[in-house]
C-alpha atoms as a PDB file:
ATOM      1  CA  MET A   1       0.000   0.000   0.000  1.00  0.00           C
ATOM      2  CA  ARG A   2       2.841   2.392   0.795  1.00  0.00           C
ATOM      3  CA  LEU A   3       4.451   1.677  -2.547  1.00  0.00           C
ATOM      4  CA  PHE A   4       1.201   2.449  -4.349  1.00  0.00           C
ATOM      5  CA  ALA A   5       0.779   5.731  -2.442  1.00  0.00           C
ATOM      6  CA  PHE A   6       4.387   6.673  -3.197  1.00  0.00           C
ATOM      7  CA  ILE A   7       3.915   5.962  -6.918  1.00  0.00           C
ATOM      8  CA  VAL A   8       0.729   8.036  -7.017  1.00  0.00           C
ATOM      9  CA  ILE A   9       2.441  10.966  -5.280  1.00  0.00           C
ATOM     10  CA  VAL A  10       5.467  10.806  -7.588  1.00  0.00           C
ATOM     11  CA  ALA A  11       3.239  10.586 -10.672  1.00  0.00           C
ATOM     12  CA  ALA A  12       1.179  13.561  -9.515  1.00  0.00           C
ATOM     13  CA  PHE A  13       4.311  15.571  -8.803  1.00  0.00           C
ATOM     14  CA  CYS A  14       5.793  14.777 -12.214  1.00  0.00           C
ATOM     15  CA  ALA A  15       2.545  15.584 -13.985  1.00  0.00           C
ATOM     16  CA  CYS A  16       2.313  18.943 -12.238  1.00  0.00           C
ATOM     17  CA  SER A  17       5.903  19.888 -12.900  1.00  0.00           C
ATOM     18  CA  ASP A  18       5.684  18.948 -16.586  1.00  0.00           C
ATOM     19  CA  SER A  19       2.488  20.887 -17.175  1.00  0.00           C
ATOM     20  CA  ALA A  20       3.883  23.960 -15.441  1.00  0.00           C
ATOM     21  CA  SER A  21       7.014  23.971 -17.581  1.00  0.00           C
ATOM     22  CA  LYS A  22       5.269  23.404 -20.937  1.00  0.00           C
ATOM     23  CA  PRO A  23       4.170  26.757 -22.344  1.00  0.00           C
ATOM     24  CA  ASP A  24       0.866  27.185 -24.152  1.00  0.00           C
ATOM     25  CA  ASP A  25       1.616  27.038 -27.886  1.00  0.00           C
ATOM     26  CA  LYS A  26      -1.290  29.371 -28.694  1.00  0.00           C
ATOM     27  CA  LEU A  27       0.010  31.985 -26.260  1.00  0.00           C
ATOM     28  CA  VAL A  28       3.540  31.651 -27.632  1.00  0.00           C
ATOM     29  CA  ALA A  29       2.331  32.137 -31.211  1.00  0.00           C
ATOM     30  CA  ALA A  30       0.187  35.136 -30.265  1.00  0.00           C
ATOM     31  CA  PHE A  31       3.039  36.667 -28.241  1.00  0.00           C
ATOM     32  CA  VAL A  32       5.477  36.321 -31.153  1.00  0.00           C
ATOM     33  CA  GLU A  33       3.030  37.842 -33.633  1.00  0.00           C
ATOM     34  CA  MET A  34       2.311  40.719 -31.247  1.00  0.00           C
ATOM     35  CA  ARG A  35       6.033  41.479 -30.954  1.00  0.00           C
ATOM     36  CA  VAL A  36       6.499  41.323 -34.730  1.00  0.00           C
ATOM     37  CA  ALA A  37       3.561  43.698 -35.226  1.00  0.00           C
ATOM     38  CA  GLU A  38       4.987  46.040 -32.614  1.00  0.00           C
ATOM     39  CA  SER A  39       8.360  45.998 -34.377  1.00  0.00           C
ATOM     40  CA  LEU A  40       6.841  46.640 -37.794  1.00  0.00           C
ATOM     41  CA  TYR A  41       4.220  49.246 -36.940  1.00  0.00           C
ATOM     42  CA  GLY A  42       5.333  50.704 -33.604  1.00  0.00           C
ATOM     43  CA  GLY A  43       3.445  50.670 -30.346  1.00  0.00           C
ATOM     44  CA  GLU A  44       0.867  53.426 -30.789  1.00  0.00           C
ATOM     45  CA  ALA A  45       0.286  53.783 -34.525  1.00  0.00           C
ATOM     46  CA  PRO A  46      -3.307  53.209 -35.669  1.00  0.00           C
ATOM     47  CA  MET A  47      -2.145  50.408 -37.983  1.00  0.00           C
ATOM     48  CA  SER A  48      -0.423  48.737 -35.040  1.00  0.00           C
ATOM     49  CA  ARG A  49      -3.649  48.742 -33.037  1.00  0.00           C
ATOM     50  CA  LEU A  50      -5.575  47.223 -35.938  1.00  0.00           C
ATOM     51  CA  VAL A  51      -2.985  44.491 -36.447  1.00  0.00           C
ATOM     52  CA  ARG A  52      -2.873  43.694 -32.717  1.00  0.00           C
ATOM     53  CA  ARG A  53      -6.665  43.428 -32.649  1.00  0.00           C
ATOM     54  CA  ASP A  54      -6.557  41.017 -35.603  1.00  0.00           C
ATOM     55  CA  ILE A  55      -3.926  38.896 -33.852  1.00  0.00           C
ATOM     56  CA  MET A  56      -6.042  38.716 -30.688  1.00  0.00           C
ATOM     57  CA  ASN A  57      -9.071  37.670 -32.754  1.00  0.00           C
ATOM     58  CA  LYS A  58      -7.001  35.076 -34.624  1.00  0.00           C
ATOM     59  CA  TYR A  59      -5.948  33.369 -31.384  1.00  0.00           C
ATOM     60  CA  GLY A  60      -9.237  33.880 -29.541  1.00  0.00           C
ATOM     61  CA  TYR A  61      -8.044  36.350 -26.910  1.00  0.00           C
ATOM     62  CA  THR A  62      -9.414  39.623 -25.736  1.00  0.00           C
ATOM     63  CA  ARG A  63      -6.776  42.182 -24.794  1.00  0.00           C
ATOM     64  CA  GLU A  64      -7.526  41.571 -21.120  1.00  0.00           C
ATOM     65  CA  GLN A  65      -7.258  37.781 -21.461  1.00  0.00           C
ATOM     66  CA  PHE A  66      -3.952  38.052 -23.305  1.00  0.00           C
ATOM     67  CA  VAL A  67      -2.469  40.393 -20.703  1.00  0.00           C
ATOM     68  CA  LYS A  68      -3.745  38.135 -17.896  1.00  0.00           C
ATOM     69  CA  GLU A  69      -2.164  35.033 -19.470  1.00  0.00           C
ATOM     70  CA  VAL A  70       1.164  36.776 -20.054  1.00  0.00           C
ATOM     71  CA  ASP A  71       1.097  38.107 -16.475  1.00  0.00           C
ATOM     72  CA  LYS A  72       0.606  34.553 -15.152  1.00  0.00           C
ATOM     73  CA  VAL A  73       3.722  33.489 -17.007  1.00  0.00           C
ATOM     74  CA  LEU A  74       5.655  36.564 -15.842  1.00  0.00           C
ATOM     75  CA  ASP A  75       4.814  35.852 -12.211  1.00  0.00           C
ATOM     76  CA  ASP A  76       6.392  32.381 -12.293  1.00  0.00           C
ATOM     77  CA  GLU A  77      10.113  32.312 -13.075  1.00  0.00           C
ATOM     78  CA  THR A  78      10.069  28.652 -14.116  1.00  0.00           C
ATOM     79  CA  ARG A  79       7.179  29.193 -16.518  1.00  0.00           C
ATOM     80  CA  TRP A  80       8.750  32.412 -17.838  1.00  0.00           C
ATOM     81  CA  ILE A  81      12.025  30.693 -18.718  1.00  0.00           C
ATOM     82  CA  ALA A  82      10.206  27.883 -20.542  1.00  0.00           C
ATOM     83  CA  PHE A  83       7.962  30.435 -22.260  1.00  0.00           C
ATOM     84  CA  GLN A  84      10.911  32.510 -23.451  1.00  0.00           C
ATOM     85  CA  GLN A  85      12.634  29.384 -24.768  1.00  0.00           C
ATOM     86  CA  ALA A  86       9.485  28.493 -26.703  1.00  0.00           C
ATOM     87  CA  VAL A  87       9.302  32.065 -28.056  1.00  0.00           C
ATOM     88  CA  SER A  88      12.946  31.878 -29.172  1.00  0.00           C
ATOM     89  CA  ASP A  89      12.344  28.493 -30.815  1.00  0.00           C
ATOM     90  CA  ARG A  90       9.284  29.847 -32.638  1.00  0.00           C
ATOM     91  CA  ILE A  91      11.152  32.904 -33.906  1.00  0.00           C
ATOM     92  CA  ASP A  92      14.066  30.730 -35.023  1.00  0.00           C
ATOM     93  CA  SER A  93      11.704  28.398 -36.869  1.00  0.00           C
ATOM     94  CA  LEU A  94      10.042  31.347 -38.610  1.00  0.00           C
ATOM     95  CA  LEU A  95      13.468  32.642 -39.648  1.00  0.00           C
ATOM     96  CA  GLY A  96      14.556  29.188 -40.809  1.00  0.00           C
ATOM     97  CA  ILE A  97      17.290  28.876 -38.192  1.00  0.00           C
ATOM     98  CA  PRO A  98      17.898  25.196 -37.395  1.00  0.00           C
ATOM     99  CA  LYS A  99      17.372  24.093 -33.813  1.00  0.00           C
ATOM    100  CA  VAL A 100      20.567  23.523 -31.828  1.00  0.00           C
ATOM    101  CA  VAL A 101      21.104  19.881 -30.956  1.00  0.00           C
ATOM    102  CA  LYS A 102      23.045  19.258 -27.777  1.00  0.00           C
ATOM    103  CA  VAL A 103      25.924  16.793 -28.161  1.00  0.00           C
ATOM    104  CA  ASP A 104      27.295  14.815 -25.255  1.00  0.00           C
ATOM    105  CA  ALA A 105      31.060  15.442 -25.502  1.00  0.00           C
ATOM    106  CA  LYS A 106      31.876  12.258 -23.605  1.00  0.00           C
ATOM    107  CA  LYS A 107      29.893   9.958 -25.854  1.00  0.00           C
ATOM    108  CA  GLY A 108      29.954  11.957 -29.083  1.00  0.00           C
ATOM    109  CA  LYS A 109      26.204  11.411 -29.432  1.00  0.00           C
ATOM    110  CA  LYS A 110      23.200  13.705 -29.655  1.00  0.00           C
END
């Protein structure tokens, strides 16, 4: 019985830690597009506001929901690091930059 309880606790812990570290792909995509729009059109230009509104509609967010979701990620350092890595990966993939594959120097394998 103790073994079963231990396994359940470990499984629950692992499930929670994995879900907390995996960023929401929809939020990552919306965040990247918002930053691109901001870079292209500026922060306050009328065209920028129109493009940002279209991005929010595309991903199903209101402005308030988007800000709330980003704030949740900002408030948790672990989630923020994973989120920023996902953002970097998405930008790299859009630019056609291949993903870095870590190589174990001792074994010479990926």
